């Protein structure tokens, strides 16, 4: 069994999400061959040198799962693209490039966070190119901590305001971008997060696009076995390690 998740947006102000994630690790991830985290794992990340006790606790939880045999892979999202080697070492996880080709259930599958597919959102794509520039990344990592905190807060607020003002089709993936990247990598299945619109989209030519859900109101994960790719939900626990598994509505 292989598990995939994305868009948990973990932070101290949402202990319900944290509790659900810890329950997920205990009940499912510890029994999995591999766990893939496809971006926006944290609500914000301003650098490995600024890790909080909360973020250290999440790294420790992942480390415990990894030491029991589960391989953990982490991909950057648009909120946590500054996660670096130190966190990965503490969490015992491997950083994945976006996009990445992996073998799931005997099939080559393309994994992405998904934000680079939102090509109709021109202002965001321009900002993404700037922020992911290696020189800009170097400068960001070496800014004073308070400056990074202020910049992160400003970017989060502007992102929320901008997203509310944009049409749904602008903030979703562009079908032509999806077709192009799947053709480029010669895959039948694309899995991504970012849009917070979980679904399995059946495309032409027997292709499919699986969108992982965000963890705002419930947990979402994709469970992959040799027989099936199943998108599942996980209710937020009333206590730290209690959860209810269910299939999403059709």
Foldseek 3Di string as FASTA:
>chain_A
DEKEAEAQQDDPVCVLSVLLVLLCCVPPLLPDQEYEYAENPHVAAQAPVPDDPVLLVVLQSLLVSVVSRYAYEYEYDPRHNRDDDVSCVSNVYHYDYAWDWDAFLNFTETEHQFQCQLVLLPVVNVVVVVCPPPVNSVVSNPDDPVVSVVVSVVVVVVVVVVVVPDDLSNRHGDPVSVVVVCVVVVGQEYEHERSQPADWAQDPPRHIYGYFHHPPQWTWMWDTDNVDTAIWIWGRDPDSNDIDIDGDDD
